[in-house]
């Protein structure tokens, strides 16, 4: 399989996806710094534990992305975020809106993503030696609706209040339960504590 590579110096505006190679460097402190652009690195960053202290989590992400973290840590973090967003500005947060609830998880839905890539593109995500993060995201967004991964996302994102038919409401409610994403560690622990208090007559207010 042909290796997809990113290379070369460029400005940091919007990339012409069909005319430019995705970047293998970012500019930090006036110089081009090489980065680990493979999609697996971004997934490892995404999978860093929620319970990890924020500063340690951020530094570990920078280490994975750069290898050797640049001296200007704040600028390095900003360029890493730019890269992870594929050169685009952020989503709802930029407009002051509430961030959308995620409808997929790279770790939880990994098998579904793998199957969809293999079927639609003939890309084995385990064996491919390198796949640029930006290329991976473009291919992920381009998956056709026939894949189970896309149907799972659709069911999770469905707003039940907009579904008028009762049978369809029942279907989507069941699918939401079946395909529900696991809660973050802290939130799951809080819900477990509330459940424990309710079952054994404890003080629910103490864990709210």
C-alpha atoms as a PDB file:
ATOM      1  CA  UNK A   1       0.000   0.000   0.000  1.00  0.00           C
ATOM      2  CA  UNK A   2       1.272   3.468  -0.892  1.00  0.00           C
ATOM      3  CA  UNK A   3       2.574   5.378   2.051  1.00  0.00           C
ATOM      4  CA  UNK A   4       0.839   8.729   2.591  1.00  0.00           C
ATOM      5  CA  UNK A   5       3.372  11.343   3.670  1.00  0.00           C
ATOM      6  CA  UNK A   6       3.287  14.926   4.787  1.00  0.00           C
ATOM      7  CA  UNK A   7       6.312  17.167   4.340  1.00  0.00           C
ATOM      8  CA  UNK A   8       7.551  20.638   3.666  1.00  0.00           C
ATOM      9  CA  UNK A   9       7.341  24.156   4.968  1.00  0.00           C
ATOM     10  CA  UNK A  10       4.117  26.136   4.571  1.00  0.00           C
ATOM     11  CA  UNK A  11       2.068  28.876   6.114  1.00  0.00           C
ATOM     12  CA  UNK A  12      -0.570  27.990   8.633  1.00  0.00           C
ATOM     13  CA  UNK A  13      -3.737  29.183   6.911  1.00  0.00           C
ATOM     14  CA  UNK A  14      -6.331  26.862   5.437  1.00  0.00           C
ATOM     15  CA  UNK A  15      -4.717  24.084   3.426  1.00  0.00           C
ATOM     16  CA  UNK A  16      -5.693  23.359  -0.154  1.00  0.00           C
ATOM     17  CA  UNK A  17      -6.370  19.697   0.517  1.00  0.00           C
ATOM     18  CA  UNK A  18      -6.124  18.646  -3.123  1.00  0.00           C
ATOM     19  CA  UNK A  19      -3.046  20.762  -3.932  1.00  0.00           C
ATOM     20  CA  UNK A  20      -0.815  20.568  -0.834  1.00  0.00           C
ATOM     21  CA  UNK A  21       0.587  17.794   1.284  1.00  0.00           C
ATOM     22  CA  UNK A  22      -0.599  17.806   4.906  1.00  0.00           C
ATOM     23  CA  UNK A  23       2.072  19.267   7.206  1.00  0.00           C
ATOM     24  CA  UNK A  24       4.809  17.275   8.903  1.00  0.00           C
ATOM     25  CA  UNK A  25       5.997  20.368  10.815  1.00  0.00           C
ATOM     26  CA  UNK A  26       4.455  23.256  12.745  1.00  0.00           C
ATOM     27  CA  UNK A  27       5.899  26.692  13.404  1.00  0.00           C
ATOM     28  CA  UNK A  28       6.881  27.338  17.020  1.00  0.00           C
ATOM     29  CA  UNK A  29       8.951  30.348  18.011  1.00  0.00           C
ATOM     30  CA  UNK A  30       9.710  31.260  14.412  1.00  0.00           C
ATOM     31  CA  UNK A  31      11.064  27.872  13.376  1.00  0.00           C
ATOM     32  CA  UNK A  32       9.596  24.750  11.821  1.00  0.00           C
ATOM     33  CA  UNK A  33       9.433  21.899  14.316  1.00  0.00           C
ATOM     34  CA  UNK A  34       8.905  18.279  13.144  1.00  0.00           C
ATOM     35  CA  UNK A  35       5.880  16.514  14.599  1.00  0.00           C
ATOM     36  CA  UNK A  36       4.623  12.932  14.840  1.00  0.00           C
ATOM     37  CA  UNK A  37       1.849  13.254  12.252  1.00  0.00           C
ATOM     38  CA  UNK A  38       0.617   9.638  12.148  1.00  0.00           C
ATOM     39  CA  UNK A  39      -3.011   9.170  13.127  1.00  0.00           C
ATOM     40  CA  UNK A  40      -2.040   6.682  15.858  1.00  0.00           C
ATOM     41  CA  UNK A  41      -0.246   9.424  17.794  1.00  0.00           C
ATOM     42  CA  UNK A  42      -3.405  11.553  17.859  1.00  0.00           C
ATOM     43  CA  UNK A  43      -5.400   8.565  19.093  1.00  0.00           C
ATOM     44  CA  UNK A  44      -2.880   7.946  21.874  1.00  0.00           C
ATOM     45  CA  UNK A  45      -3.274  11.581  22.907  1.00  0.00           C
ATOM     46  CA  UNK A  46      -7.054  11.215  22.820  1.00  0.00           C
ATOM     47  CA  UNK A  47      -6.813   8.104  25.011  1.00  0.00           C
ATOM     48  CA  UNK A  48      -4.812   9.766  27.816  1.00  0.00           C
ATOM     49  CA  UNK A  49      -6.726   9.110  31.067  1.00  0.00           C
ATOM     50  CA  UNK A  50      -9.264  11.737  32.138  1.00  0.00           C
ATOM     51  CA  UNK A  51      -8.187  11.189  35.727  1.00  0.00           C
ATOM     52  CA  UNK A  52      -4.621  12.265  34.969  1.00  0.00           C
ATOM     53  CA  UNK A  53      -3.674  15.693  36.426  1.00  0.00           C
ATOM     54  CA  UNK A  54      -4.244  18.333  33.749  1.00  0.00           C
ATOM     55  CA  UNK A  55      -0.648  19.564  33.663  1.00  0.00           C
ATOM     56  CA  UNK A  56       0.756  16.041  33.409  1.00  0.00           C
ATOM     57  CA  UNK A  57      -1.787  15.116  30.743  1.00  0.00           C
ATOM     58  CA  UNK A  58      -0.883  18.181  28.684  1.00  0.00           C
ATOM     59  CA  UNK A  59       2.839  17.549  28.940  1.00  0.00           C
ATOM     60  CA  UNK A  60       2.430  13.905  27.964  1.00  0.00           C
ATOM     61  CA  UNK A  61       0.405  14.964  24.929  1.00  0.00           C
ATOM     62  CA  UNK A  62       3.173  17.375  23.893  1.00  0.00           C
ATOM     63  CA  UNK A  63       5.784  14.645  24.309  1.00  0.00           C
ATOM     64  CA  UNK A  64       3.817  12.280  22.094  1.00  0.00           C
ATOM     65  CA  UNK A  65       3.281  14.964  19.457  1.00  0.00           C
ATOM     66  CA  UNK A  66       6.759  16.515  19.333  1.00  0.00           C
ATOM     67  CA  UNK A  67       9.066  13.954  20.878  1.00  0.00           C
ATOM     68  CA  UNK A  68      11.237  16.742  22.256  1.00  0.00           C
ATOM     69  CA  UNK A  69       8.940  19.481  23.570  1.00  0.00           C
ATOM     70  CA  UNK A  70       9.865  23.021  22.382  1.00  0.00           C
ATOM     71  CA  UNK A  71      10.929  25.541  25.015  1.00  0.00           C
ATOM     72  CA  UNK A  72       7.869  27.745  24.427  1.00  0.00           C
ATOM     73  CA  UNK A  73       5.346  25.297  25.857  1.00  0.00           C
ATOM     74  CA  UNK A  74       2.316  27.574  25.417  1.00  0.00           C
ATOM     75  CA  UNK A  75       3.048  28.169  21.729  1.00  0.00           C
ATOM     76  CA  UNK A  76       3.784  24.462  21.257  1.00  0.00           C
ATOM     77  CA  UNK A  77       0.422  23.557  22.813  1.00  0.00           C
ATOM     78  CA  UNK A  78      -1.415  26.047  20.577  1.00  0.00           C
ATOM     79  CA  UNK A  79       0.193  24.631  17.427  1.00  0.00           C
ATOM     80  CA  UNK A  80      -0.578  21.079  18.552  1.00  0.00           C
ATOM     81  CA  UNK A  81      -4.252  22.028  18.988  1.00  0.00           C
ATOM     82  CA  UNK A  82      -4.246  23.652  15.525  1.00  0.00           C
ATOM     83  CA  UNK A  83      -2.806  20.451  14.064  1.00  0.00           C
ATOM     84  CA  UNK A  84      -5.272  18.204  15.875  1.00  0.00           C
ATOM     85  CA  UNK A  85      -8.138  20.330  14.487  1.00  0.00           C
ATOM     86  CA  UNK A  86      -6.683  19.772  10.989  1.00  0.00           C
ATOM     87  CA  UNK A  87      -5.843  23.441  10.555  1.00  0.00           C
ATOM     88  CA  UNK A  88      -9.393  24.555  11.273  1.00  0.00           C
ATOM     89  CA  UNK A  89     -10.710  26.761  14.021  1.00  0.00           C
ATOM     90  CA  UNK A  90     -12.546  25.075  16.879  1.00  0.00           C
ATOM     91  CA  UNK A  91     -16.228  24.176  16.709  1.00  0.00           C
ATOM     92  CA  UNK A  92     -19.084  25.367  18.864  1.00  0.00           C
ATOM     93  CA  UNK A  93     -16.747  26.766  21.521  1.00  0.00           C
ATOM     94  CA  UNK A  94     -15.585  29.534  19.146  1.00  0.00           C
ATOM     95  CA  UNK A  95     -19.098  30.894  18.839  1.00  0.00           C
ATOM     96  CA  UNK A  96     -19.769  30.667  22.539  1.00  0.00           C
ATOM     97  CA  UNK A  97     -22.190  27.777  22.097  1.00  0.00           C
ATOM     98  CA  UNK A  98     -22.326  24.614  24.121  1.00  0.00           C
ATOM     99  CA  UNK A  99     -19.996  21.898  22.755  1.00  0.00           C
ATOM    100  CA  UNK A 100     -21.891  19.084  21.080  1.00  0.00           C
ATOM    101  CA  UNK A 101     -22.128  15.756  22.866  1.00  0.00           C
ATOM    102  CA  UNK A 102     -19.678  13.368  21.180  1.00  0.00           C
ATOM    103  CA  UNK A 103     -21.301  10.760  18.954  1.00  0.00           C
ATOM    104  CA  UNK A 104     -18.247   8.520  18.684  1.00  0.00           C
ATOM    105  CA  UNK A 105     -15.101   7.530  20.541  1.00  0.00           C
ATOM    106  CA  UNK A 106     -11.890   6.404  18.863  1.00  0.00           C
ATOM    107  CA  UNK A 107     -11.168   3.906  21.635  1.00  0.00           C
ATOM    108  CA  UNK A 108     -14.728   2.620  22.153  1.00  0.00           C
ATOM    109  CA  UNK A 109     -15.582   2.461  18.423  1.00  0.00           C
ATOM    110  CA  UNK A 110     -12.182   1.347  17.172  1.00  0.00           C
ATOM    111  CA  UNK A 111     -13.391  -1.958  15.724  1.00  0.00           C
ATOM    112  CA  UNK A 112     -16.238  -0.268  13.837  1.00  0.00           C
ATOM    113  CA  UNK A 113     -13.868   2.340  12.385  1.00  0.00           C
ATOM    114  CA  UNK A 114     -11.400  -0.370  11.398  1.00  0.00           C
ATOM    115  CA  UNK A 115     -14.094  -2.375   9.611  1.00  0.00           C
ATOM    116  CA  UNK A 116     -15.438   0.679   7.778  1.00  0.00           C
ATOM    117  CA  UNK A 117     -11.983   1.736   6.513  1.00  0.00           C
ATOM    118  CA  UNK A 118     -11.190  -1.781   5.361  1.00  0.00           C
ATOM    119  CA  UNK A 119     -14.491  -2.169   3.525  1.00  0.00           C
ATOM    120  CA  UNK A 120     -14.722   1.263   1.899  1.00  0.00           C
ATOM    121  CA  UNK A 121     -11.077   2.156   1.248  1.00  0.00           C
ATOM    122  CA  UNK A 122      -9.250  -1.153   1.441  1.00  0.00           C
ATOM    123  CA  UNK A 123      -7.065   0.380   4.186  1.00  0.00           C
ATOM    124  CA  UNK A 124      -6.028  -1.941   7.006  1.00  0.00           C
ATOM    125  CA  UNK A 125      -5.515   0.511   9.866  1.00  0.00           C
ATOM    126  CA  UNK A 126      -3.426  -2.044  11.742  1.00  0.00           C
ATOM    127  CA  UNK A 127      -0.988  -2.758   8.921  1.00  0.00           C
ATOM    128  CA  UNK A 128      -0.749   0.625   7.190  1.00  0.00           C
ATOM    129  CA  UNK A 129       2.765   1.910   8.045  1.00  0.00           C
ATOM    130  CA  UNK A 130       1.782   5.590   8.116  1.00  0.00           C
ATOM    131  CA  UNK A 131      -1.438   7.527   7.677  1.00  0.00           C
ATOM    132  CA  UNK A 132      -1.377  11.278   8.253  1.00  0.00           C
ATOM    133  CA  UNK A 133      -3.864  12.481  10.853  1.00  0.00           C
ATOM    134  CA  UNK A 134      -5.455  14.973   8.447  1.00  0.00           C
ATOM    135  CA  UNK A 135      -5.847  12.270   5.801  1.00  0.00           C
ATOM    136  CA  UNK A 136      -7.337   9.898   8.379  1.00  0.00           C
ATOM    137  CA  UNK A 137      -9.896  12.513   9.444  1.00  0.00           C
ATOM    138  CA  UNK A 138     -10.857  13.289   5.838  1.00  0.00           C
ATOM    139  CA  UNK A 139     -11.419   9.591   5.179  1.00  0.00           C
ATOM    140  CA  UNK A 140     -13.344   9.186   8.442  1.00  0.00           C
ATOM    141  CA  UNK A 141     -15.655  12.072   7.516  1.00  0.00           C
ATOM    142  CA  UNK A 142     -16.096  10.574   4.050  1.00  0.00           C
ATOM    143  CA  UNK A 143     -17.416   7.201   5.205  1.00  0.00           C
ATOM    144  CA  UNK A 144     -20.717   6.339   3.544  1.00  0.00           C
ATOM    145  CA  UNK A 145     -23.921   5.841   5.513  1.00  0.00           C
ATOM    146  CA  UNK A 146     -24.050   2.079   4.950  1.00  0.00           C
ATOM    147  CA  UNK A 147     -21.436   1.310   7.609  1.00  0.00           C
ATOM    148  CA  UNK A 148     -22.487   0.279  11.103  1.00  0.00           C
ATOM    149  CA  UNK A 149     -20.160   2.958  12.501  1.00  0.00           C
ATOM    150  CA  UNK A 150     -22.182   5.668  10.738  1.00  0.00           C
ATOM    151  CA  UNK A 151     -25.493   4.191  11.898  1.00  0.00           C
ATOM    152  CA  UNK A 152     -24.251   4.058  15.486  1.00  0.00           C
ATOM    153  CA  UNK A 153     -23.244   7.719  15.302  1.00  0.00           C
ATOM    154  CA  UNK A 154     -26.636   8.636  13.852  1.00  0.00           C
ATOM    155  CA  UNK A 155     -28.490   6.841  16.650  1.00  0.00           C
ATOM    156  CA  UNK A 156     -26.400   8.494  19.357  1.00  0.00           C
ATOM    157  CA  UNK A 157     -26.920  11.950  17.878  1.00  0.00           C
ATOM    158  CA  UNK A 158     -30.669  11.537  17.338  1.00  0.00           C
ATOM    159  CA  UNK A 159     -32.771  13.989  19.392  1.00  0.00           C
ATOM    160  CA  UNK A 160     -35.710  11.936  20.617  1.00  0.00           C
ATOM    161  CA  UNK A 161     -37.861  15.007  21.085  1.00  0.00           C
ATOM    162  CA  UNK A 162     -37.842  15.556  17.331  1.00  0.00           C
ATOM    163  CA  UNK A 163     -39.040  12.036  16.556  1.00  0.00           C
ATOM    164  CA  UNK A 164     -42.835  12.050  16.374  1.00  0.00           C
ATOM    165  CA  UNK A 165     -43.493   8.393  15.601  1.00  0.00           C
ATOM    166  CA  UNK A 166     -43.703   6.350  18.815  1.00  0.00           C
ATOM    167  CA  UNK A 167     -42.227   3.207  17.265  1.00  0.00           C
ATOM    168  CA  UNK A 168     -39.255   5.162  15.984  1.00  0.00           C
ATOM    169  CA  UNK A 169     -38.856   6.803  19.374  1.00  0.00           C
ATOM    170  CA  UNK A 170     -38.763   3.369  20.996  1.00  0.00           C
ATOM    171  CA  UNK A 171     -36.211   2.169  18.437  1.00  0.00           C
ATOM    172  CA  UNK A 172     -33.858   5.103  18.931  1.00  0.00           C
ATOM    173  CA  UNK A 173     -34.192   4.922  22.711  1.00  0.00           C
ATOM    174  CA  UNK A 174     -33.137   1.262  22.624  1.00  0.00           C
ATOM    175  CA  UNK A 175     -30.279   2.023  20.227  1.00  0.00           C
ATOM    176  CA  UNK A 176     -29.068   4.851  22.432  1.00  0.00           C
ATOM    177  CA  UNK A 177     -28.901   2.428  25.354  1.00  0.00           C
ATOM    178  CA  UNK A 178     -27.191  -0.267  23.276  1.00  0.00           C
ATOM    179  CA  UNK A 179     -24.587   2.042  21.791  1.00  0.00           C
ATOM    180  CA  UNK A 180     -24.121   4.446  24.701  1.00  0.00           C
ATOM    181  CA  UNK A 181     -20.570   5.705  25.135  1.00  0.00           C
ATOM    182  CA  UNK A 182     -18.964   5.114  28.532  1.00  0.00           C
ATOM    183  CA  UNK A 183     -18.998   8.133  30.815  1.00  0.00           C
ATOM    184  CA  UNK A 184     -15.743   9.874  31.803  1.00  0.00           C
ATOM    185  CA  UNK A 185     -14.065   8.282  34.821  1.00  0.00           C
ATOM    186  CA  UNK A 186     -15.028  11.051  37.258  1.00  0.00           C
ATOM    187  CA  UNK A 187     -18.664  11.204  36.149  1.00  0.00           C
ATOM    188  CA  UNK A 188     -19.047   7.427  36.233  1.00  0.00           C
ATOM    189  CA  UNK A 189     -17.649   7.352  39.763  1.00  0.00           C
ATOM    190  CA  UNK A 190     -20.107  10.040  40.840  1.00  0.00           C
ATOM    191  CA  UNK A 191     -23.070   8.127  39.396  1.00  0.00           C
ATOM    192  CA  UNK A 192     -21.864   4.913  41.052  1.00  0.00           C
ATOM    193  CA  UNK A 193     -21.703   6.726  44.398  1.00  0.00           C
ATOM    194  CA  UNK A 194     -25.246   8.097  43.943  1.00  0.00           C
ATOM    195  CA  UNK A 195     -26.525   4.617  43.060  1.00  0.00           C
ATOM    196  CA  UNK A 196     -24.785   3.126  46.112  1.00  0.00           C
ATOM    197  CA  UNK A 197     -26.334   5.778  48.380  1.00  0.00           C
ATOM    198  CA  UNK A 198     -29.815   5.189  46.953  1.00  0.00           C
ATOM    199  CA  UNK A 199     -29.580   1.413  47.318  1.00  0.00           C
ATOM    200  CA  UNK A 200     -28.257   1.439  50.869  1.00  0.00           C
ATOM    201  CA  UNK A 201     -29.974   4.461  52.383  1.00  0.00           C
ATOM    202  CA  UNK A 202     -26.920   6.717  52.293  1.00  0.00           C
ATOM    203  CA  UNK A 203     -26.835  10.506  52.066  1.00  0.00           C
ATOM    204  CA  UNK A 204     -27.287  11.322  48.370  1.00  0.00           C
ATOM    205  CA  UNK A 205     -26.604  15.026  49.019  1.00  0.00           C
ATOM    206  CA  UNK A 206     -23.099  14.142  50.151  1.00  0.00           C
ATOM    207  CA  UNK A 207     -22.148  12.920  46.685  1.00  0.00           C
ATOM    208  CA  UNK A 208     -24.052  15.491  44.625  1.00  0.00           C
END
